[in-house]
Amino acid sequence: MAASFPYSFGETQLKVEGVSQTLGGNVILRDVNIEIKNIIRSGMTQGQVVGLLGPSGIGKTRLFRILAGLDAPDTGSVTLTNKAVPVRRGMVGVVAQHYPLFAHRRVLSNLAVAGRQAGLSRADAEQKALDILKRFGLEDHTQKYPMQLSGGMRQRVAIAQQFMCSEHFLLMDEPFSGLDMVAVDRVAHFISEVAAADELNTFIVVTHDIAAALEVSDTIWLLGRDRDAQGNIIPGARIQATYNLIERGLAWHTGVTMMPEFIALMQEIRAIFPGL
């Protein structure tokens, strides 16, 4: 077993209590309860990355939208920070699949527009955009159009754009979709790098890619449906299991995908998937 690193939990970053949602008479989510706390490592800046795993059609997108403040649940609440601030649209950055950007705007303008939508003045939005682009190593690309960037660079810009709206919270929807193994490794490394840039950075990566989620996360939430005593599905998904990858020695390692413990856990979760 690979050694885990010393750490402790600090204040609450995000809390979900009793969230349920029904659409068109179908129960999609049922009594979802989850919490993310700040991870503290002595002498290091860490941040936290949670992987929300579940098969297609299980309700990940619906939970994603509720966590982002885009949709309201029928019951329950989502709050941010230890002050329990109710989440609202724009408080959590959202990076959708394929990293959509305004094709007709340059990189700097893409960020500045997001800043203006968040309520900043034109001058403040441009200054904040320049600061964020420098932090992301993109200062040499401010005047390029998205089509002039590689896929990896577009992803960096898309994530940087969302930090114009949300200082620390970011939701990513299927960031590994359609990527080959080398590209998945690059994306996973970049997510880990950005998450560790600030102590309070908190990423939730929503995906059905088990291996990629395990590679990038320190915690895994497994979303699925309960079954009754006869094995019949009970409508409405909820968190079926939480995996602390730090305790398992699978967080913050390079080459983690080659560890026997990683492979064993991946196979364990893969075996559970069909029953979710």
C-alpha atoms as a PDB file:
ATOM      1  CA  MET A   1       0.000   0.000   0.000  1.00  0.00           C
ATOM      2  CA  ALA A   2       1.380   3.388  -0.988  1.00  0.00           C
ATOM      3  CA  ALA A   3       1.877   5.757   1.925  1.00  0.00           C
ATOM      4  CA  SER A   4      -0.706   8.482   2.390  1.00  0.00           C
ATOM      5  CA  PHE A   5       0.417  12.013   3.186  1.00  0.00           C
ATOM      6  CA  PRO A   6      -0.274  13.748   6.525  1.00  0.00           C
ATOM      7  CA  TYR A   7      -3.300  16.025   6.249  1.00  0.00           C
ATOM      8  CA  SER A   8      -6.286  17.338   8.153  1.00  0.00           C
ATOM      9  CA  PHE A   9      -9.694  18.748   7.291  1.00  0.00           C
ATOM     10  CA  GLY A  10     -10.516  22.415   7.779  1.00  0.00           C
ATOM     11  CA  GLU A  11     -13.628  24.449   7.221  1.00  0.00           C
ATOM     12  CA  THR A  12     -16.538  23.416   5.022  1.00  0.00           C
ATOM     13  CA  GLN A  13     -16.265  24.488   1.384  1.00  0.00           C
ATOM     14  CA  LEU A  14     -19.522  23.087   0.046  1.00  0.00           C
ATOM     15  CA  LYS A  15     -22.454  21.313   1.701  1.00  0.00           C
ATOM     16  CA  VAL A  16     -25.440  19.560   0.174  1.00  0.00           C
ATOM     17  CA  GLU A  17     -28.298  18.668   2.492  1.00  0.00           C
ATOM     18  CA  GLY A  18     -31.402  16.670   1.603  1.00  0.00           C
ATOM     19  CA  VAL A  19     -31.413  17.552  -2.100  1.00  0.00           C
ATOM     20  CA  SER A  20     -34.147  15.886  -4.156  1.00  0.00           C
ATOM     21  CA  GLN A  21     -35.498  16.597  -7.625  1.00  0.00           C
ATOM     22  CA  THR A  22     -38.399  15.239  -9.655  1.00  0.00           C
ATOM     23  CA  LEU A  23     -38.859  16.009 -13.359  1.00  0.00           C
ATOM     24  CA  GLY A  24     -41.933  15.050 -15.367  1.00  0.00           C
ATOM     25  CA  GLY A  25     -43.099  12.791 -12.579  1.00  0.00           C
ATOM     26  CA  ASN A  26     -39.761  10.924 -12.480  1.00  0.00           C
ATOM     27  CA  VAL A  27     -37.648  11.043  -9.333  1.00  0.00           C
ATOM     28  CA  ILE A  28     -34.130  11.953 -10.489  1.00  0.00           C
ATOM     29  CA  LEU A  29     -32.355  12.701  -7.195  1.00  0.00           C
ATOM     30  CA  ARG A  30     -33.402  11.554  -3.726  1.00  0.00           C
ATOM     31  CA  ASP A  31     -32.050  12.899  -0.449  1.00  0.00           C
ATOM     32  CA  VAL A  32     -28.510  13.700  -1.611  1.00  0.00           C
ATOM     33  CA  ASN A  33     -26.209  14.655   1.284  1.00  0.00           C
ATOM     34  CA  ILE A  34     -22.549  15.486   0.678  1.00  0.00           C
ATOM     35  CA  GLU A  35     -19.890  17.799   2.061  1.00  0.00           C
ATOM     36  CA  ILE A  36     -16.475  19.032   0.941  1.00  0.00           C
ATOM     37  CA  LYS A  37     -14.033  20.351   3.524  1.00  0.00           C
ATOM     38  CA  ASN A  38     -10.800  22.207   2.971  1.00  0.00           C
ATOM     39  CA  ILE A  39      -7.823  19.833   2.947  1.00  0.00           C
ATOM     40  CA  ILE A  40      -4.847  21.120   4.909  1.00  0.00           C
ATOM     41  CA  ARG A  41      -1.287  19.864   4.382  1.00  0.00           C
ATOM     42  CA  SER A  42       1.449  21.388   6.501  1.00  0.00           C
ATOM     43  CA  GLY A  43       3.711  23.696   4.506  1.00  0.00           C
ATOM     44  CA  MET A  44       1.784  23.148   1.280  1.00  0.00           C
ATOM     45  CA  THR A  45      -1.035  24.721  -0.698  1.00  0.00           C
ATOM     46  CA  GLN A  46      -3.430  21.947  -1.594  1.00  0.00           C
ATOM     47  CA  GLY A  47      -6.965  22.659  -2.772  1.00  0.00           C
ATOM     48  CA  GLN A  48      -9.367  19.753  -3.276  1.00  0.00           C
ATOM     49  CA  VAL A  49     -10.710  17.764  -6.212  1.00  0.00           C
ATOM     50  CA  VAL A  50     -13.804  15.583  -5.914  1.00  0.00           C
ATOM     51  CA  GLY A  51     -14.823  13.155  -8.630  1.00  0.00           C
ATOM     52  CA  LEU A  52     -18.566  12.628  -9.037  1.00  0.00           C
ATOM     53  CA  LEU A  53     -18.870   9.230 -10.698  1.00  0.00           C
ATOM     54  CA  GLY A  54     -21.898   7.456 -12.058  1.00  0.00           C
ATOM     55  CA  PRO A  55     -23.142   5.745 -15.206  1.00  0.00           C
ATOM     56  CA  SER A  56     -24.768   7.745 -17.993  1.00  0.00           C
ATOM     57  CA  GLY A  57     -28.355   8.749 -17.269  1.00  0.00           C
ATOM     58  CA  ILE A  58     -28.090   8.362 -13.502  1.00  0.00           C
ATOM     59  CA  GLY A  59     -28.635  12.060 -12.702  1.00  0.00           C
ATOM     60  CA  LYS A  60     -25.101  13.478 -12.675  1.00  0.00           C
ATOM     61  CA  THR A  61     -26.048  16.377 -14.948  1.00  0.00           C
ATOM     62  CA  ARG A  62     -29.043  17.287 -12.783  1.00  0.00           C
ATOM     63  CA  LEU A  63     -26.915  17.281  -9.646  1.00  0.00           C
ATOM     64  CA  PHE A  64     -24.247  19.258 -11.537  1.00  0.00           C
ATOM     65  CA  ARG A  65     -26.767  21.982 -12.377  1.00  0.00           C
ATOM     66  CA  ILE A  66     -28.029  22.153  -8.800  1.00  0.00           C
ATOM     67  CA  LEU A  67     -24.487  22.395  -7.396  1.00  0.00           C
ATOM     68  CA  ALA A  68     -23.781  25.227  -9.848  1.00  0.00           C
ATOM     69  CA  GLY A  69     -26.897  27.140  -8.807  1.00  0.00           C
ATOM     70  CA  LEU A  70     -28.339  26.801 -12.324  1.00  0.00           C
ATOM     71  CA  ASP A  71     -31.366  24.804 -11.113  1.00  0.00           C
ATOM     72  CA  ALA A  72     -33.144  24.757  -7.765  1.00  0.00           C
ATOM     73  CA  PRO A  73     -33.857  21.409  -6.094  1.00  0.00           C
ATOM     74  CA  ASP A  74     -37.407  20.514  -5.083  1.00  0.00           C
ATOM     75  CA  THR A  75     -36.164  20.026  -1.532  1.00  0.00           C
ATOM     76  CA  GLY A  76     -32.878  20.547   0.271  1.00  0.00           C
ATOM     77  CA  SER A  77     -30.091  23.084  -0.032  1.00  0.00           C
ATOM     78  CA  VAL A  78     -26.602  23.711  -1.404  1.00  0.00           C
ATOM     79  CA  THR A  79     -24.394  26.132   0.536  1.00  0.00           C
ATOM     80  CA  LEU A  80     -20.843  27.400   0.090  1.00  0.00           C
ATOM     81  CA  THR A  81     -18.087  28.062   2.650  1.00  0.00           C
ATOM     82  CA  ASN A  82     -18.337  27.785   6.423  1.00  0.00           C
ATOM     83  CA  LYS A  83     -20.740  30.740   6.341  1.00  0.00           C
ATOM     84  CA  ALA A  84     -23.322  28.492   4.622  1.00  0.00           C
ATOM     85  CA  VAL A  85     -24.010  30.945   1.775  1.00  0.00           C
ATOM     86  CA  PRO A  86     -26.806  29.579  -0.463  1.00  0.00           C
ATOM     87  CA  VAL A  87     -25.428  28.864  -3.925  1.00  0.00           C
ATOM     88  CA  ARG A  88     -26.626  31.115  -6.734  1.00  0.00           C
ATOM     89  CA  ARG A  89     -26.009  31.202 -10.458  1.00  0.00           C
ATOM     90  CA  GLY A  90     -22.552  32.667 -11.126  1.00  0.00           C
ATOM     91  CA  MET A  91     -21.033  31.755  -7.748  1.00  0.00           C
ATOM     92  CA  VAL A  92     -19.591  28.489  -9.089  1.00  0.00           C
ATOM     93  CA  GLY A  93     -17.583  28.359 -12.290  1.00  0.00           C
ATOM     94  CA  VAL A  94     -18.899  25.885 -14.847  1.00  0.00           C
ATOM     95  CA  VAL A  95     -16.753  24.320 -17.564  1.00  0.00           C
ATOM     96  CA  ALA A  96     -18.956  22.396 -19.981  1.00  0.00           C
ATOM     97  CA  GLN A  97     -17.786  19.701 -22.386  1.00  0.00           C
ATOM     98  CA  HIS A  98     -15.568  20.855 -25.266  1.00  0.00           C
ATOM     99  CA  TYR A  99     -14.654  24.085 -23.420  1.00  0.00           C
ATOM    100  CA  PRO A 100     -16.982  26.487 -25.249  1.00  0.00           C
ATOM    101  CA  LEU A 101     -15.521  29.933 -25.869  1.00  0.00           C
ATOM    102  CA  PHE A 102     -16.599  32.876 -28.012  1.00  0.00           C
ATOM    103  CA  ALA A 103     -14.888  32.074 -31.315  1.00  0.00           C
ATOM    104  CA  HIS A 104     -15.070  35.697 -32.515  1.00  0.00           C
ATOM    105  CA  ARG A 105     -13.357  37.091 -29.405  1.00  0.00           C
ATOM    106  CA  ARG A 106      -9.706  36.973 -28.458  1.00  0.00           C
ATOM    107  CA  VAL A 107      -8.601  35.220 -25.275  1.00  0.00           C
ATOM    108  CA  LEU A 108      -8.455  38.410 -23.207  1.00  0.00           C
ATOM    109  CA  SER A 109     -11.885  39.472 -24.445  1.00  0.00           C
ATOM    110  CA  ASN A 110     -13.365  36.049 -23.607  1.00  0.00           C
ATOM    111  CA  LEU A 111     -12.359  36.550 -19.988  1.00  0.00           C
ATOM    112  CA  ALA A 112     -13.267  40.231 -19.833  1.00  0.00           C
ATOM    113  CA  VAL A 113     -16.805  39.507 -21.057  1.00  0.00           C
ATOM    114  CA  ALA A 114     -17.241  36.979 -18.246  1.00  0.00           C
ATOM    115  CA  GLY A 115     -16.005  39.579 -15.774  1.00  0.00           C
ATOM    116  CA  ARG A 116     -18.478  42.142 -17.054  1.00  0.00           C
ATOM    117  CA  GLN A 117     -21.293  39.614 -16.670  1.00  0.00           C
ATOM    118  CA  ALA A 118     -20.145  39.098 -13.080  1.00  0.00           C
ATOM    119  CA  GLY A 119     -20.631  42.816 -12.424  1.00  0.00           C
ATOM    120  CA  LEU A 120     -17.114  44.198 -12.818  1.00  0.00           C
ATOM    121  CA  SER A 121     -16.410  47.484 -14.563  1.00  0.00           C
ATOM    122  CA  ARG A 122     -14.717  47.290 -17.954  1.00  0.00           C
ATOM    123  CA  ALA A 123     -11.338  48.341 -16.509  1.00  0.00           C
ATOM    124  CA  ASP A 124     -11.589  45.977 -13.521  1.00  0.00           C
ATOM    125  CA  ALA A 125     -12.685  43.078 -15.728  1.00  0.00           C
ATOM    126  CA  GLU A 126      -9.711  43.552 -18.053  1.00  0.00           C
ATOM    127  CA  GLN A 127      -7.241  43.850 -15.177  1.00  0.00           C
ATOM    128  CA  LYS A 128      -8.607  40.756 -13.459  1.00  0.00           C
ATOM    129  CA  ALA A 129      -8.484  38.890 -16.784  1.00  0.00           C
ATOM    130  CA  LEU A 130      -4.821  39.825 -17.251  1.00  0.00           C
ATOM    131  CA  ASP A 131      -4.012  38.713 -13.699  1.00  0.00           C
ATOM    132  CA  ILE A 132      -5.736  35.352 -14.143  1.00  0.00           C
ATOM    133  CA  LEU A 133      -4.177  34.721 -17.544  1.00  0.00           C
ATOM    134  CA  LYS A 134      -0.750  35.325 -16.049  1.00  0.00           C
ATOM    135  CA  ARG A 135      -1.512  32.929 -13.197  1.00  0.00           C
ATOM    136  CA  PHE A 136      -2.506  30.275 -15.768  1.00  0.00           C
ATOM    137  CA  GLY A 137       0.604  30.824 -17.897  1.00  0.00           C
ATOM    138  CA  LEU A 138      -1.446  32.301 -20.725  1.00  0.00           C
ATOM    139  CA  GLU A 139      -0.102  35.855 -20.787  1.00  0.00           C
ATOM    140  CA  ASP A 140       1.504  35.294 -24.200  1.00  0.00           C
ATOM    141  CA  HIS A 141      -1.827  34.242 -25.746  1.00  0.00           C
ATOM    142  CA  THR A 142      -4.080  37.148 -24.770  1.00  0.00           C
ATOM    143  CA  GLN A 143      -4.584  38.364 -28.362  1.00  0.00           C
ATOM    144  CA  LYS A 144      -5.155  34.969 -29.984  1.00  0.00           C
ATOM    145  CA  TYR A 145      -8.526  33.599 -31.031  1.00  0.00           C
ATOM    146  CA  PRO A 146      -9.681  30.212 -29.651  1.00  0.00           C
ATOM    147  CA  MET A 147      -9.190  28.541 -33.052  1.00  0.00           C
ATOM    148  CA  GLN A 148      -5.489  29.473 -32.880  1.00  0.00           C
ATOM    149  CA  LEU A 149      -5.023  27.499 -29.649  1.00  0.00           C
ATOM    150  CA  SER A 150      -4.428  23.809 -29.057  1.00  0.00           C
ATOM    151  CA  GLY A 151      -7.111  21.796 -27.271  1.00  0.00           C
ATOM    152  CA  GLY A 152      -5.113  21.940 -24.051  1.00  0.00           C
ATOM    153  CA  MET A 153      -4.736  25.711 -24.301  1.00  0.00           C
ATOM    154  CA  ARG A 154      -8.466  26.144 -24.977  1.00  0.00           C
ATOM    155  CA  GLN A 155      -9.175  24.153 -21.842  1.00  0.00           C
ATOM    156  CA  ARG A 156      -6.880  26.409 -19.829  1.00  0.00           C
ATOM    157  CA  VAL A 157      -8.671  29.481 -21.193  1.00  0.00           C
ATOM    158  CA  ALA A 158     -12.106  27.978 -20.463  1.00  0.00           C
ATOM    159  CA  ILE A 159     -11.127  27.275 -16.865  1.00  0.00           C
ATOM    160  CA  ALA A 160      -9.490  30.688 -16.503  1.00  0.00           C
ATOM    161  CA  GLN A 161     -12.675  32.281 -17.852  1.00  0.00           C
ATOM    162  CA  GLN A 162     -14.743  30.676 -15.098  1.00  0.00           C
ATOM    163  CA  PHE A 163     -12.412  32.055 -12.427  1.00  0.00           C
ATOM    164  CA  MET A 164     -13.612  35.495 -13.518  1.00  0.00           C
ATOM    165  CA  CYS A 165     -16.954  34.590 -11.932  1.00  0.00           C
ATOM    166  CA  SER A 166     -15.966  32.266  -9.111  1.00  0.00           C
ATOM    167  CA  GLU A 167     -12.812  32.749  -7.074  1.00  0.00           C
ATOM    168  CA  HIS A 168     -12.479  29.177  -5.842  1.00  0.00           C
ATOM    169  CA  PHE A 169     -15.322  26.888  -6.943  1.00  0.00           C
ATOM    170  CA  LEU A 170     -15.325  25.082 -10.272  1.00  0.00           C
ATOM    171  CA  LEU A 171     -17.527  22.352 -11.759  1.00  0.00           C
ATOM    172  CA  MET A 172     -16.285  20.414 -14.791  1.00  0.00           C
ATOM    173  CA  ASP A 173     -18.664  18.347 -16.907  1.00  0.00           C
ATOM    174  CA  GLU A 174     -17.071  15.292 -18.553  1.00  0.00           C
ATOM    175  CA  PRO A 175     -13.652  16.939 -19.121  1.00  0.00           C
ATOM    176  CA  PHE A 176     -12.194  13.618 -20.343  1.00  0.00           C
ATOM    177  CA  SER A 177     -14.864  12.878 -22.953  1.00  0.00           C
ATOM    178  CA  GLY A 178     -13.431  11.822 -26.308  1.00  0.00           C
ATOM    179  CA  LEU A 179      -9.790  12.134 -25.231  1.00  0.00           C
ATOM    180  CA  ASP A 180      -7.079   9.533 -25.763  1.00  0.00           C
ATOM    181  CA  MET A 181      -5.022   8.237 -22.839  1.00  0.00           C
ATOM    182  CA  VAL A 182      -2.214  10.766 -23.270  1.00  0.00           C
ATOM    183  CA  ALA A 183      -4.662  13.680 -23.399  1.00  0.00           C
ATOM    184  CA  VAL A 184      -6.501  12.377 -20.312  1.00  0.00           C
ATOM    185  CA  ASP A 185      -3.211  12.360 -18.400  1.00  0.00           C
ATOM    186  CA  ARG A 186      -2.522  15.955 -19.477  1.00  0.00           C
ATOM    187  CA  VAL A 187      -5.976  17.121 -18.423  1.00  0.00           C
ATOM    188  CA  ALA A 188      -5.732  15.313 -15.084  1.00  0.00           C
ATOM    189  CA  HIS A 189      -2.337  16.878 -14.406  1.00  0.00           C
ATOM    190  CA  PHE A 190      -3.621  20.346 -15.261  1.00  0.00           C
ATOM    191  CA  ILE A 191      -6.687  20.019 -13.020  1.00  0.00           C
ATOM    192  CA  SER A 192      -4.468  18.925 -10.126  1.00  0.00           C
ATOM    193  CA  GLU A 193      -2.069  21.791 -10.820  1.00  0.00           C
ATOM    194  CA  VAL A 194      -4.796  24.460 -10.846  1.00  0.00           C
ATOM    195  CA  ALA A 195      -6.561  23.019  -7.799  1.00  0.00           C
ATOM    196  CA  ALA A 196      -3.306  23.208  -5.861  1.00  0.00           C
ATOM    197  CA  ALA A 197      -2.739  26.852  -6.823  1.00  0.00           C
ATOM    198  CA  ASP A 198      -4.882  28.087  -3.925  1.00  0.00           C
ATOM    199  CA  GLU A 199      -5.758  26.531  -0.575  1.00  0.00           C
ATOM    200  CA  LEU A 200      -9.485  27.094  -1.108  1.00  0.00           C
ATOM    201  CA  ASN A 201      -9.739  25.984  -4.738  1.00  0.00           C
ATOM    202  CA  THR A 202     -12.428  23.334  -4.904  1.00  0.00           C
ATOM    203  CA  PHE A 203     -13.113  21.364  -8.079  1.00  0.00           C
ATOM    204  CA  ILE A 204     -15.901  18.874  -8.707  1.00  0.00           C
ATOM    205  CA  VAL A 205     -15.273  16.747 -11.782  1.00  0.00           C
ATOM    206  CA  VAL A 206     -18.431  15.050 -13.086  1.00  0.00           C
ATOM    207  CA  THR A 207     -17.680  12.029 -15.238  1.00  0.00           C
ATOM    208  CA  HIS A 208     -18.391   8.394 -16.009  1.00  0.00           C
ATOM    209  CA  ASP A 209     -14.673   7.748 -16.681  1.00  0.00           C
ATOM    210  CA  ILE A 210     -13.624   5.754 -13.613  1.00  0.00           C
ATOM    211  CA  ALA A 211      -9.870   5.681 -14.260  1.00  0.00           C
ATOM    212  CA  ALA A 212      -9.637   9.406 -15.023  1.00  0.00           C
ATOM    213  CA  ALA A 213     -11.699  10.330 -11.959  1.00  0.00           C
ATOM    214  CA  LEU A 214      -9.455   8.238  -9.717  1.00  0.00           C
ATOM    215  CA  GLU A 215      -6.341   9.748 -11.264  1.00  0.00           C
ATOM    216  CA  VAL A 216      -7.310  13.376 -10.632  1.00  0.00           C
ATOM    217  CA  SER A 217      -9.327  13.244  -7.390  1.00  0.00           C
ATOM    218  CA  ASP A 218      -8.655  13.069  -3.686  1.00  0.00           C
ATOM    219  CA  THR A 219     -12.256  11.997  -3.011  1.00  0.00           C
ATOM    220  CA  ILE A 220     -14.780  10.057  -5.079  1.00  0.00           C
ATOM    221  CA  TRP A 221     -18.561  10.239  -4.781  1.00  0.00           C
ATOM    222  CA  LEU A 222     -20.431   7.341  -6.376  1.00  0.00           C
ATOM    223  CA  LEU A 223     -23.932   8.277  -7.510  1.00  0.00           C
ATOM    224  CA  GLY A 224     -26.519   5.536  -7.946  1.00  0.00           C
ATOM    225  CA  ARG A 225     -29.922   4.211  -6.918  1.00  0.00           C
ATOM    226  CA  ASP A 226     -30.904   2.083  -3.965  1.00  0.00           C
ATOM    227  CA  ARG A 227     -32.714  -1.233  -4.314  1.00  0.00           C
ATOM    228  CA  ASP A 228     -35.403  -2.768  -2.131  1.00  0.00           C
ATOM    229  CA  ALA A 229     -35.256  -6.182  -0.473  1.00  0.00           C
ATOM    230  CA  GLN A 230     -36.407  -7.824  -3.712  1.00  0.00           C
ATOM    231  CA  GLY A 231     -33.693  -6.100  -5.725  1.00  0.00           C
ATOM    232  CA  ASN A 232     -36.031  -3.639  -7.418  1.00  0.00           C
ATOM    233  CA  ILE A 233     -34.681  -0.160  -8.151  1.00  0.00           C
ATOM    234  CA  ILE A 234     -35.896   2.614  -5.853  1.00  0.00           C
ATOM    235  CA  PRO A 235     -36.329   5.741  -8.024  1.00  0.00           C
ATOM    236  CA  GLY A 236     -33.976   8.636  -7.403  1.00  0.00           C
ATOM    237  CA  ALA A 237     -30.177   8.618  -7.269  1.00  0.00           C
ATOM    238  CA  ARG A 238     -28.191   9.395  -4.161  1.00  0.00           C
ATOM    239  CA  ILE A 239     -24.595   8.966  -3.024  1.00  0.00           C
ATOM    240  CA  GLN A 240     -23.956   5.239  -2.672  1.00  0.00           C
ATOM    241  CA  ALA A 241     -20.340   5.406  -1.536  1.00  0.00           C
ATOM    242  CA  THR A 242     -17.581   7.890  -0.748  1.00  0.00           C
ATOM    243  CA  TYR A 243     -13.953   6.913  -1.302  1.00  0.00           C
ATOM    244  CA  ASN A 244     -11.186   8.811   0.506  1.00  0.00           C
ATOM    245  CA  LEU A 245      -8.264   8.380  -1.894  1.00  0.00           C
ATOM    246  CA  ILE A 246      -5.852  10.095   0.486  1.00  0.00           C
ATOM    247  CA  GLU A 247      -6.330   7.420   3.125  1.00  0.00           C
ATOM    248  CA  ARG A 248      -5.879   4.766   0.447  1.00  0.00           C
ATOM    249  CA  GLY A 249      -2.551   6.320  -0.593  1.00  0.00           C
ATOM    250  CA  LEU A 250      -3.889   7.138  -4.054  1.00  0.00           C
ATOM    251  CA  ALA A 251      -3.909  10.944  -3.962  1.00  0.00           C
ATOM    252  CA  TRP A 252      -1.106  13.363  -4.866  1.00  0.00           C
ATOM    253  CA  HIS A 253       1.133  10.731  -6.489  1.00  0.00           C
ATOM    254  CA  THR A 254       2.712  10.797  -9.922  1.00  0.00           C
ATOM    255  CA  GLY A 255       2.261   7.539 -11.793  1.00  0.00           C
ATOM    256  CA  VAL A 256      -0.675   6.603  -9.565  1.00  0.00           C
ATOM    257  CA  THR A 257      -2.400   4.733 -12.402  1.00  0.00           C
ATOM    258  CA  MET A 258       0.319   2.065 -12.277  1.00  0.00           C
ATOM    259  CA  MET A 259      -0.151   1.278  -8.580  1.00  0.00           C
ATOM    260  CA  PRO A 260      -1.771  -2.085  -7.767  1.00  0.00           C
ATOM    261  CA  GLU A 261      -4.074  -0.319  -5.288  1.00  0.00           C
ATOM    262  CA  PHE A 262      -5.291   2.011  -8.032  1.00  0.00           C
ATOM    263  CA  ILE A 263      -6.034  -0.868 -10.386  1.00  0.00           C
ATOM    264  CA  ALA A 264      -7.808  -2.823  -7.643  1.00  0.00           C
ATOM    265  CA  LEU A 265     -10.054   0.113  -6.726  1.00  0.00           C
ATOM    266  CA  MET A 266     -10.813   0.840 -10.372  1.00  0.00           C
ATOM    267  CA  GLN A 267     -11.898  -2.778 -10.854  1.00  0.00           C
ATOM    268  CA  GLU A 268     -13.959  -2.655  -7.652  1.00  0.00           C
ATOM    269  CA  ILE A 269     -15.886   0.417  -8.778  1.00  0.00           C
ATOM    270  CA  ARG A 270     -16.244  -0.917 -12.307  1.00  0.00           C
ATOM    271  CA  ALA A 271     -17.892  -4.051 -10.902  1.00  0.00           C
ATOM    272  CA  ILE A 272     -20.368  -1.896  -8.961  1.00  0.00           C
ATOM    273  CA  PHE A 273     -21.314   0.301 -11.942  1.00  0.00           C
ATOM    274  CA  PRO A 274     -23.811  -2.022 -13.663  1.00  0.00           C
ATOM    275  CA  GLY A 275     -25.905  -2.188 -10.486  1.00  0.00           C
ATOM    276  CA  LEU A 276     -26.149   1.565 -10.009  1.00  0.00           C
END
